[in-house]
Amino acid sequence: NESAEQVMPELFRTDARRNALRMVFCNESFRERLADWEQHARH
């Protein structure tokens, strides 16, 4: 939905290739914006 596009634009960038797991591990912007990134990534 539109809210996802606004809040998580990293999902639609080339490095993520519209894959949620790639966004978590490959996008530096998302890593910097998410608190407790390591805990989230491990889960």
All heavy atoms as atom14 arrays in JSON, in Angstrom:
{
  "sequence": "NESAEQVMPELFRTDARRNALRMVFCNESFRERLADWEQHARH",
  "atom14_mask": [
    [1, 1, 1, 1, 1, 1, 1, 1, 0, 0, 0, 0, 0, 0],
    [1, 1, 1, 1, 1, 1, 1, 1, 1, 0, 0, 0, 0, 0],
    [1, 1, 1, 1, 1, 1, 0, 0, 0, 0, 0, 0, 0, 0],
    [1, 1, 1, 1, 1, 0, 0, 0, 0, 0, 0, 0, 0, 0],
    [1, 1, 1, 1, 1, 1, 1, 1, 1, 0, 0, 0, 0, 0],
    [1, 1, 1, 1, 1, 1, 1, 1, 1, 0, 0, 0, 0, 0],
    [1, 1, 1, 1, 1, 1, 1, 0, 0, 0, 0, 0, 0, 0],
    [1, 1, 1, 1, 1, 1, 1, 1, 0, 0, 0, 0, 0, 0],
    [1, 1, 1, 1, 1, 1, 1, 0, 0, 0, 0, 0, 0, 0],
    [1, 1, 1, 1, 1, 1, 1, 1, 1, 0, 0, 0, 0, 0],
    [1, 1, 1, 1, 1, 1, 1, 1, 0, 0, 0, 0, 0, 0],
    [1, 1, 1, 1, 1, 1, 1, 1, 1, 1, 1, 0, 0, 0],
    [1, 1, 1, 1, 1, 1, 1, 1, 1, 1, 1, 0, 0, 0],
    [1, 1, 1, 1, 1, 1, 1, 0, 0, 0, 0, 0, 0, 0],
    [1, 1, 1, 1, 1, 1, 1, 1, 0, 0, 0, 0, 0, 0],
    [1, 1, 1, 1, 1, 0, 0, 0, 0, 0, 0, 0, 0, 0],
    [1, 1, 1, 1, 1, 1, 1, 1, 1, 1, 1, 0, 0, 0],
    [1, 1, 1, 1, 1, 1, 1, 1, 1, 1, 1, 0, 0, 0],
    [1, 1, 1, 1, 1, 1, 1, 1, 0, 0, 0, 0, 0, 0],
    [1, 1, 1, 1, 1, 0, 0, 0, 0, 0, 0, 0, 0, 0],
    [1, 1, 1, 1, 1, 1, 1, 1, 0, 0, 0, 0, 0, 0],
    [1, 1, 1, 1, 1, 1, 1, 1, 1, 1, 1, 0, 0, 0],
    [1, 1, 1, 1, 1, 1, 1, 1, 0, 0, 0, 0, 0, 0],
    [1, 1, 1, 1, 1, 1, 1, 0, 0, 0, 0, 0, 0, 0],
    [1, 1, 1, 1, 1, 1, 1, 1, 1, 1, 1, 0, 0, 0],
    [1, 1, 1, 1, 1, 1, 0, 0, 0, 0, 0, 0, 0, 0],
    [1, 1, 1, 1, 1, 1, 1, 1, 0, 0, 0, 0, 0, 0],
    [1, 1, 1, 1, 1, 1, 1, 1, 1, 0, 0, 0, 0, 0],
    [1, 1, 1, 1, 1, 1, 0, 0, 0, 0, 0, 0, 0, 0],
    [1, 1, 1, 1, 1, 1, 1, 1, 1, 1, 1, 0, 0, 0],
    [1, 1, 1, 1, 1, 1, 1, 1, 1, 1, 1, 0, 0, 0],
    [1, 1, 1, 1, 1, 1, 1, 1, 1, 0, 0, 0, 0, 0],
    [1, 1, 1, 1, 1, 1, 1, 1, 1, 1, 1, 0, 0, 0],
    [1, 1, 1, 1, 1, 1, 1, 1, 0, 0, 0, 0, 0, 0],
    [1, 1, 1, 1, 1, 0, 0, 0, 0, 0, 0, 0, 0, 0],
    [1, 1, 1, 1, 1, 1, 1, 1, 0, 0, 0, 0, 0, 0],
    [1, 1, 1, 1, 1, 1, 1, 1, 1, 1, 1, 1, 1, 1],
    [1, 1, 1, 1, 1, 1, 1, 1, 1, 0, 0, 0, 0, 0],
    [1, 1, 1, 1, 1, 1, 1, 1, 1, 0, 0, 0, 0, 0],
    [1, 1, 1, 1, 1, 1, 1, 1, 1, 1, 0, 0, 0, 0],
    [1, 1, 1, 1, 1, 0, 0, 0, 0, 0, 0, 0, 0, 0],
    [1, 1, 1, 1, 1, 1, 1, 1, 1, 1, 1, 0, 0, 0],
    [1, 1, 1, 1, 1, 1, 1, 1, 1, 1, 0, 0, 0, 0]
  ],
  "atom14_positions": [
    [[0.83, -1.2, 0.0], [0.0, 0.0, 0.0], [0.87, 1.26, 0.0], [2.1, 1.21, 0.07], [-1.01, 0.0, 1.16], [-0.35, 0.08, 2.52], [0.84, 0.28, 2.66], [-1.17, -0.07, 3.56], [0.0, 0.0, 0.0], [0.0, 0.0, 0.0], [0.0, 0.0, 0.0], [0.0, 0.0, 0.0], [0.0, 0.0, 0.0], [0.0, 0.0, 0.0]],
    [[0.21, 2.38, -0.09], [0.9, 3.66, -0.21], [1.76, 3.97, 1.02], [2.84, 4.56, 0.91], [-0.14, 4.76, -0.41], [0.25, 5.81, -1.4], [-0.88, 6.76, -1.69], [-2.05, 6.36, -1.54], [-0.59, 7.9, -2.06], [0.0, 0.0, 0.0], [0.0, 0.0, 0.0], [0.0, 0.0, 0.0], [0.0, 0.0, 0.0], [0.0, 0.0, 0.0]],
    [[1.27, 3.58, 2.18], [2.02, 3.85, 3.4], [3.35, 3.12, 3.4], [4.37, 3.65, 3.84], [1.18, 3.44, 4.62], [0.01, 4.2, 4.71], [0.0, 0.0, 0.0], [0.0, 0.0, 0.0], [0.0, 0.0, 0.0], [0.0, 0.0, 0.0], [0.0, 0.0, 0.0], [0.0, 0.0, 0.0], [0.0, 0.0, 0.0], [0.0, 0.0, 0.0]],
    [[3.36, 1.89, 2.92], [4.62, 1.14, 2.84], [5.59, 1.82, 1.89], [6.8, 1.92, 2.16], [4.34, -0.29, 2.38], [0.0, 0.0, 0.0], [0.0, 0.0, 0.0], [0.0, 0.0, 0.0], [0.0, 0.0, 0.0], [0.0, 0.0, 0.0], [0.0, 0.0, 0.0], [0.0, 0.0, 0.0], [0.0, 0.0, 0.0], [0.0, 0.0, 0.0]],
    [[5.09, 2.32, 0.79], [5.94, 3.0, -0.18], [6.54, 4.26, 0.43], [7.7, 4.62, 0.15], [5.13, 3.35, -1.42], [5.96, 3.9, -2.57], [5.14, 4.1, -3.83], [3.9, 4.1, -3.73], [5.75, 4.28, -4.89], [0.0, 0.0, 0.0], [0.0, 0.0, 0.0], [0.0, 0.0, 0.0], [0.0, 0.0, 0.0], [0.0, 0.0, 0.0]],
    [[5.78, 4.94, 1.28], [6.26, 6.16, 1.91], [7.28, 5.88, 3.01], [8.31, 6.55, 3.09], [5.08, 6.92, 2.52], [4.27, 7.71, 1.52], [5.08, 8.86, 0.95], [5.89, 9.48, 1.64], [4.88, 9.15, -0.32], [0.0, 0.0, 0.0], [0.0, 0.0, 0.0], [0.0, 0.0, 0.0], [0.0, 0.0, 0.0], [0.0, 0.0, 0.0]],
    [[6.99, 4.91, 3.85], [7.8, 4.68, 5.05], [9.02, 3.8, 4.78], [10.06, 3.94, 5.43], [6.92, 4.07, 6.16], [7.75, 3.67, 7.37], [5.83, 5.06, 6.57], [0.0, 0.0, 0.0], [0.0, 0.0, 0.0], [0.0, 0.0, 0.0], [0.0, 0.0, 0.0], [0.0, 0.0, 0.0], [0.0, 0.0, 0.0], [0.0, 0.0, 0.0]],
    [[8.91, 2.87, 3.81], [10.01, 1.94, 3.52], [10.37, 1.99, 2.05], [10.21, 1.0, 1.32], [9.62, 0.52, 3.95], [9.6, 0.35, 5.46], [8.92, -1.24, 5.99], [7.16, -0.92, 5.83], [0.0, 0.0, 0.0], [0.0, 0.0, 0.0], [0.0, 0.0, 0.0], [0.0, 0.0, 0.0], [0.0, 0.0, 0.0], [0.0, 0.0, 0.0]],
    [[10.84, 3.12, 1.56], [11.19, 3.24, 0.14], [12.32, 2.3, -0.26], [12.49, 2.01, -1.44], [11.59, 4.71, -0.01], [12.04, 5.11, 1.36], [11.14, 4.37, 2.3], [0.0, 0.0, 0.0], [0.0, 0.0, 0.0], [0.0, 0.0, 0.0], [0.0, 0.0, 0.0], [0.0, 0.0, 0.0], [0.0, 0.0, 0.0], [0.0, 0.0, 0.0]],
    [[13.08, 1.81, 0.73], [14.2, 0.91, 0.42], [13.74, -0.37, -0.27], [14.49, -1.01, -1.0], [14.96, 0.54, 1.7], [15.69, 1.71, 2.34], [14.83, 2.46, 3.35], [13.62, 2.17, 3.43], [15.38, 3.31, 4.07], [0.0, 0.0, 0.0], [0.0, 0.0, 0.0], [0.0, 0.0, 0.0], [0.0, 0.0, 0.0], [0.0, 0.0, 0.0]],
    [[12.48, -0.78, -0.01], [11.96, -1.99, -0.64], [11.98, -1.92, -2.16], [12.02, -2.94, -2.84], [10.52, -2.26, -0.18], [10.31, -3.15, 1.04], [8.84, -3.16, 1.43], [10.8, -4.56, 0.78], [0.0, 0.0, 0.0], [0.0, 0.0, 0.0], [0.0, 0.0, 0.0], [0.0, 0.0, 0.0], [0.0, 0.0, 0.0], [0.0, 0.0, 0.0]],
    [[11.94, -0.71, -2.69], [11.77, -0.53, -4.13], [13.05, -0.1, -4.82], [13.04, 0.26, -5.99], [10.65, 0.5, -4.37], [9.44, 0.21, -3.52], [9.2, 0.93, -2.35], [8.57, -0.79, -3.86], [8.11, 0.65, -1.54], [7.47, -1.09, -3.06], [7.24, -0.37, -1.9], [0.0, 0.0, 0.0], [0.0, 0.0, 0.0], [0.0, 0.0, 0.0]],
    [[14.16, -0.15, -4.09], [15.43, 0.23, -4.68], [16.14, -0.99, -5.26], [15.83, -2.13, -4.93], [16.3, 0.93, -3.63], [15.71, 2.29, -3.25], [16.48, 2.99, -2.17], [15.83, 4.25, -1.83], [16.09, 4.96, -0.74], [17.01, 4.55, 0.1], [15.45, 6.09, -0.5], [0.0, 0.0, 0.0], [0.0, 0.0, 0.0], [0.0, 0.0, 0.0]],
    [[17.13, -0.73, -6.09], [17.77, -1.79, -6.86], [18.38, -2.87, -5.99], [18.26, -4.07, -6.28], [18.85, -1.2, -7.78], [18.26, -0.2, -8.61], [19.47, -2.28, -8.64], [0.0, 0.0, 0.0], [0.0, 0.0, 0.0], [0.0, 0.0, 0.0], [0.0, 0.0, 0.0], [0.0, 0.0, 0.0], [0.0, 0.0, 0.0], [0.0, 0.0, 0.0]],
    [[19.05, -2.47, -4.89], [19.75, -3.47, -4.09], [18.79, -4.44, -3.41], [19.13, -5.6, -3.18], [20.67, -2.81, -3.06], [19.97, -1.74, -2.24], [18.74, -1.62, -2.35], [20.67, -1.03, -1.49], [0.0, 0.0, 0.0], [0.0, 0.0, 0.0], [0.0, 0.0, 0.0], [0.0, 0.0, 0.0], [0.0, 0.0, 0.0], [0.0, 0.0, 0.0]],
    [[17.59, -3.99, -3.08], [16.61, -4.88, -2.45], [15.92, -5.77, -3.47], [15.47, -6.87, -3.15], [15.56, -4.06, -1.7], [0.0, 0.0, 0.0], [0.0, 0.0, 0.0], [0.0, 0.0, 0.0], [0.0, 0.0, 0.0], [0.0, 0.0, 0.0], [0.0, 0.0, 0.0], [0.0, 0.0, 0.0], [0.0, 0.0, 0.0], [0.0, 0.0, 0.0]],
    [[15.78, -5.3, -4.72], [15.14, -6.06, -5.79], [13.76, -6.56, -5.37], [13.34, -7.65, -5.66], [16.03, -7.22, -6.22], [17.27, -6.76, -6.96], [18.39, -7.76, -6.99], [17.98, -9.03, -7.54], [18.76, -10.11, -7.54], [19.96, -10.04, -7.0], [18.34, -11.24, -8.06], [0.0, 0.0, 0.0], [0.0, 0.0, 0.0], [0.0, 0.0, 0.0]],
    [[13.06, -5.7, -4.63], [11.71, -5.98, -4.15], [11.64, -7.33, -3.42], [10.77, -8.15, -3.67], [10.71, -5.89, -5.29], [10.53, -4.43, -5.74], [9.55, -4.25, -6.83], [9.36, -2.81, -7.08], [8.67, -2.31, -8.1], [8.1, -3.13, -8.95], [8.55, -1.01, -8.24], [0.0, 0.0, 0.0], [0.0, 0.0, 0.0], [0.0, 0.0, 0.0]],
    [[12.57, -7.51, -2.53], [12.62, -8.69, -1.66], [12.88, -8.19, -0.24], [13.84, -7.46, 0.0], [13.71, -9.65, -2.12], [13.81, -10.87, -1.22], [14.44, -10.83, -0.17], [13.18, -11.96, -1.65], [0.0, 0.0, 0.0], [0.0, 0.0, 0.0], [0.0, 0.0, 0.0], [0.0, 0.0, 0.0], [0.0, 0.0, 0.0], [0.0, 0.0, 0.0]],
    [[12.0, -8.57, 0.7], [12.08, -8.02, 2.05], [13.37, -8.41, 2.76], [13.94, -7.62, 3.53], [10.88, -8.47, 2.86], [0.0, 0.0, 0.0], [0.0, 0.0, 0.0], [0.0, 0.0, 0.0], [0.0, 0.0, 0.0], [0.0, 0.0, 0.0], [0.0, 0.0, 0.0], [0.0, 0.0, 0.0], [0.0, 0.0, 0.0], [0.0, 0.0, 0.0]],
    [[13.87, -9.63, 2.54], [15.1, -10.04, 3.22], [16.31, -9.32, 2.64], [17.23, -8.95, 3.37], [15.28, -11.56, 3.1], [16.27, -12.17, 4.1], [15.78, -11.99, 5.53], [16.5, -13.64, 3.8], [0.0, 0.0, 0.0], [0.0, 0.0, 0.0], [0.0, 0.0, 0.0], [0.0, 0.0, 0.0], [0.0, 0.0, 0.0], [0.0, 0.0, 0.0]],
    [[16.32, -9.09, 1.33], [17.42, -8.33, 0.74], [17.43, -6.9, 1.28], [18.49, -6.31, 1.48], [17.3, -8.32, -0.78], [17.63, -9.65, -1.45], [17.74, -9.48, -2.96], [17.98, -10.73, -3.64], [17.04, -11.45, -4.25], [15.78, -11.02, -4.23], [17.33, -12.57, -4.86], [0.0, 0.0, 0.0], [0.0, 0.0, 0.0], [0.0, 0.0, 0.0]],
    [[16.24, -6.32, 1.49], [16.19, -4.97, 2.04], [16.86, -4.93, 3.42], [17.63, -4.02, 3.73], [14.74, -4.49, 2.16], [14.62, -3.11, 2.82], [12.91, -2.59, 3.12], [12.44, -3.69, 4.46], [0.0, 0.0, 0.0], [0.0, 0.0, 0.0], [0.0, 0.0, 0.0], [0.0, 0.0, 0.0], [0.0, 0.0, 0.0], [0.0, 0.0, 0.0]],
    [[16.58, -5.93, 4.24], [17.12, -5.95, 5.59], [18.64, -6.04, 5.58], [19.33, -5.32, 6.31], [16.53, -7.13, 6.39], [17.24, -7.3, 7.73], [15.04, -6.93, 6.62], [0.0, 0.0, 0.0], [0.0, 0.0, 0.0], [0.0, 0.0, 0.0], [0.0, 0.0, 0.0], [0.0, 0.0, 0.0], [0.0, 0.0, 0.0], [0.0, 0.0, 0.0]],
    [[19.2, -6.9, 4.72], [20.63, -7.18, 4.78], [21.48, -6.37, 3.8], [22.69, -6.25, 4.01], [20.88, -8.67, 4.54], [20.64, -9.52, 5.75], [19.42, -10.14, 5.94], [21.62, -9.68, 6.72], [19.18, -10.92, 7.05], [21.4, -10.45, 7.84], [20.17, -11.06, 8.02], [0.0, 0.0, 0.0], [0.0, 0.0, 0.0], [0.0, 0.0, 0.0]],
    [[20.88, -5.82, 2.75], [21.68, -5.18, 1.71], [21.52, -3.68, 1.6], [22.28, -3.04, 0.86], [21.36, -5.82, 0.34], [21.78, -7.57, 0.25], [0.0, 0.0, 0.0], [0.0, 0.0, 0.0], [0.0, 0.0, 0.0], [0.0, 0.0, 0.0], [0.0, 0.0, 0.0], [0.0, 0.0, 0.0], [0.0, 0.0, 0.0], [0.0, 0.0, 0.0]],
    [[20.56, -3.11, 2.31], [20.32, -1.68, 2.16], [20.82, -0.92, 3.37], [20.3, -1.08, 4.49], [18.83, -1.4, 1.93], [18.59, 0.04, 1.55], [18.5, 0.91, 2.41], [18.5, 0.31, 0.25], [0.0, 0.0, 0.0], [0.0, 0.0, 0.0], [0.0, 0.0, 0.0], [0.0, 0.0, 0.0], [0.0, 0.0, 0.0], [0.0, 0.0, 0.0]],
    [[21.84, -0.09, 3.17], [22.45, 0.64, 4.28], [21.5, 1.66, 4.89], [21.52, 1.91, 6.1], [23.73, 1.33, 3.8], [24.88, 0.39, 3.54], [25.32, -0.36, 4.8], [25.28, 0.24, 5.89], [25.7, -1.53, 4.68], [0.0, 0.0, 0.0], [0.0, 0.0, 0.0], [0.0, 0.0, 0.0], [0.0, 0.0, 0.0], [0.0, 0.0, 0.0]],
    [[20.66, 2.27, 4.07], [19.72, 3.26, 4.58], [18.75, 2.63, 5.57], [18.51, 3.18, 6.65], [18.95, 3.9, 3.42], [17.9, 4.72, 3.91], [0.0, 0.0, 0.0], [0.0, 0.0, 0.0], [0.0, 0.0, 0.0], [0.0, 0.0, 0.0], [0.0, 0.0, 0.0], [0.0, 0.0, 0.0], [0.0, 0.0, 0.0], [0.0, 0.0, 0.0]],
    [[18.21, 1.47, 5.22], [17.27, 0.8, 6.13], [17.98, 0.38, 7.42], [17.43, 0.51, 8.51], [16.66, -0.42, 5.44], [15.6, -1.11, 6.25], [14.32, -0.57, 6.34], [15.87, -2.28, 6.93], [13.34, -1.19, 7.1], [14.89, -2.92, 7.69], [13.63, -2.36, 7.77], [0.0, 0.0, 0.0], [0.0, 0.0, 0.0], [0.0, 0.0, 0.0]],
    [[19.19, -0.11, 7.29], [19.97, -0.51, 8.47], [20.16, 0.67, 9.41], [20.03, 0.54, 10.64], [21.33, -1.05, 8.03], [22.23, -1.46, 9.2], [23.65, -1.7, 8.72], [23.73, -2.8, 7.8], [24.48, -3.88, 7.99], [25.19, -4.01, 9.09], [24.51, -4.84, 7.1], [0.0, 0.0, 0.0], [0.0, 0.0, 0.0], [0.0, 0.0, 0.0]],
    [[20.47, 1.84, 8.86], [20.71, 3.01, 9.7], [19.43, 3.54, 10.33], [19.45, 4.09, 11.43], [21.37, 4.1, 8.86], [22.78, 3.74, 8.42], [23.35, 4.75, 7.44], [22.61, 5.72, 7.11], [24.5, 4.57, 7.0], [0.0, 0.0, 0.0], [0.0, 0.0, 0.0], [0.0, 0.0, 0.0], [0.0, 0.0, 0.0], [0.0, 0.0, 0.0]],
    [[18.31, 3.38, 9.63], [17.05, 3.96, 10.13], [16.35, 3.08, 11.15], [15.53, 3.56, 11.94], [16.09, 4.22, 8.96], [16.59, 5.27, 8.0], [15.49, 5.84, 7.11], [14.74, 4.84, 6.37], [13.42, 4.66, 6.49], [12.71, 5.39, 7.34], [12.81, 3.75, 5.75], [0.0, 0.0, 0.0], [0.0, 0.0, 0.0], [0.0, 0.0, 0.0]],
    [[16.62, 1.78, 11.13], [15.92, 0.85, 12.03], [16.67, 0.68, 13.33], [17.85, 0.3, 13.35], [15.75, -0.51, 11.34], [15.0, -1.57, 12.15], [13.53, -1.19, 12.3], [15.12, -2.94, 11.49], [0.0, 0.0, 0.0], [0.0, 0.0, 0.0], [0.0, 0.0, 0.0], [0.0, 0.0, 0.0], [0.0, 0.0, 0.0], [0.0, 0.0, 0.0]],
    [[16.0, 0.96, 14.45], [16.61, 0.72, 15.75], [16.75, -0.78, 15.98], [15.92, -1.58, 15.52], [15.74, 1.34, 16.85], [0.0, 0.0, 0.0], [0.0, 0.0, 0.0], [0.0, 0.0, 0.0], [0.0, 0.0, 0.0], [0.0, 0.0, 0.0], [0.0, 0.0, 0.0], [0.0, 0.0, 0.0], [0.0, 0.0, 0.0], [0.0, 0.0, 0.0]],
    [[17.81, -1.19, 16.67], [18.06, -2.62, 16.96], [18.1, -3.43, 15.67], [17.48, -4.5, 15.57], [17.01, -3.18, 17.92], [17.03, -2.49, 19.27], [18.13, -2.14, 19.74], [15.95, -2.28, 19.84], [0.0, 0.0, 0.0], [0.0, 0.0, 0.0], [0.0, 0.0, 0.0], [0.0, 0.0, 0.0], [0.0, 0.0, 0.0], [0.0, 0.0, 0.0]],
    [[18.87, -2.93, 14.69], [18.92, -3.63, 13.4], [19.39, -5.07, 13.55], [18.82, -5.98, 12.93], [19.86, -2.9, 12.44], [20.01, -3.64, 11.14], [19.2, -3.56, 10.04], [21.02, -4.62, 10.82], [19.65, -4.43, 9.06], [20.76, -5.09, 9.52], [22.11, -5.14, 11.52], [21.55, -6.04, 8.88], [22.9, -6.1, 10.89], [22.62, -6.54, 9.6]],
    [[20.41, -5.32, 14.34], [20.95, -6.67, 14.43], [19.91, -7.66, 14.97], [19.77, -8.77, 14.45], [22.2, -6.72, 15.32], [22.78, -8.13, 15.43], [24.11, -8.17, 16.15], [24.83, -7.15, 16.15], [24.44, -9.24, 16.7], [0.0, 0.0, 0.0], [0.0, 0.0, 0.0], [0.0, 0.0, 0.0], [0.0, 0.0, 0.0], [0.0, 0.0, 0.0]],
    [[19.19, -7.27, 16.0], [18.15, -8.15, 16.55], [17.09, -8.43, 15.49], [16.65, -9.58, 15.32], [17.51, -7.5, 17.77], [16.4, -8.34, 18.4], [15.78, -7.65, 19.61], [16.23, -6.59, 20.04], [14.74, -8.24, 20.14], [0.0, 0.0, 0.0], [0.0, 0.0, 0.0], [0.0, 0.0, 0.0], [0.0, 0.0, 0.0], [0.0, 0.0, 0.0]],
    [[16.68, -7.4, 14.77], [15.68, -7.56, 13.71], [16.22, -8.47, 12.61], [15.52, -9.37, 12.13], [15.32, -6.19, 13.14], [14.39, -6.24, 11.97], [13.04, -6.47, 12.09], [14.63, -6.09, 10.63], [12.48, -6.46, 10.89], [13.42, -6.24, 9.99], [0.0, 0.0, 0.0], [0.0, 0.0, 0.0], [0.0, 0.0, 0.0], [0.0, 0.0, 0.0]],
    [[17.46, -8.24, 12.19], [18.04, -9.01, 11.09], [18.2, -10.48, 11.47], [17.91, -11.37, 10.66], [19.39, -8.41, 10.7], [0.0, 0.0, 0.0], [0.0, 0.0, 0.0], [0.0, 0.0, 0.0], [0.0, 0.0, 0.0], [0.0, 0.0, 0.0], [0.0, 0.0, 0.0], [0.0, 0.0, 0.0], [0.0, 0.0, 0.0], [0.0, 0.0, 0.0]],
    [[18.66, -10.74, 12.68], [18.81, -12.13, 13.13], [17.45, -12.85, 13.16], [17.34, -14.01, 12.76], [19.46, -12.18, 14.51], [20.97, -12.02, 14.5], [21.54, -12.16, 15.89], [22.97, -12.22, 15.93], [23.7, -13.34, 15.77], [23.07, -14.49, 15.56], [25.01, -13.31, 15.83], [0.0, 0.0, 0.0], [0.0, 0.0, 0.0], [0.0, 0.0, 0.0]],
    [[16.43, -12.14, 13.64], [15.1, -12.76, 13.7], [14.58, -13.03, 12.28], [14.04, -14.12, 12.02], [14.13, -11.84, 14.45], [12.72, -12.34, 14.45], [12.32, -13.47, 15.13], [11.59, -11.86, 13.83], [11.03, -13.67, 14.94], [10.58, -12.72, 14.16], [0.0, 0.0, 0.0], [0.0, 0.0, 0.0], [0.0, 0.0, 0.0], [0.0, 0.0, 0.0]]
  ]
}
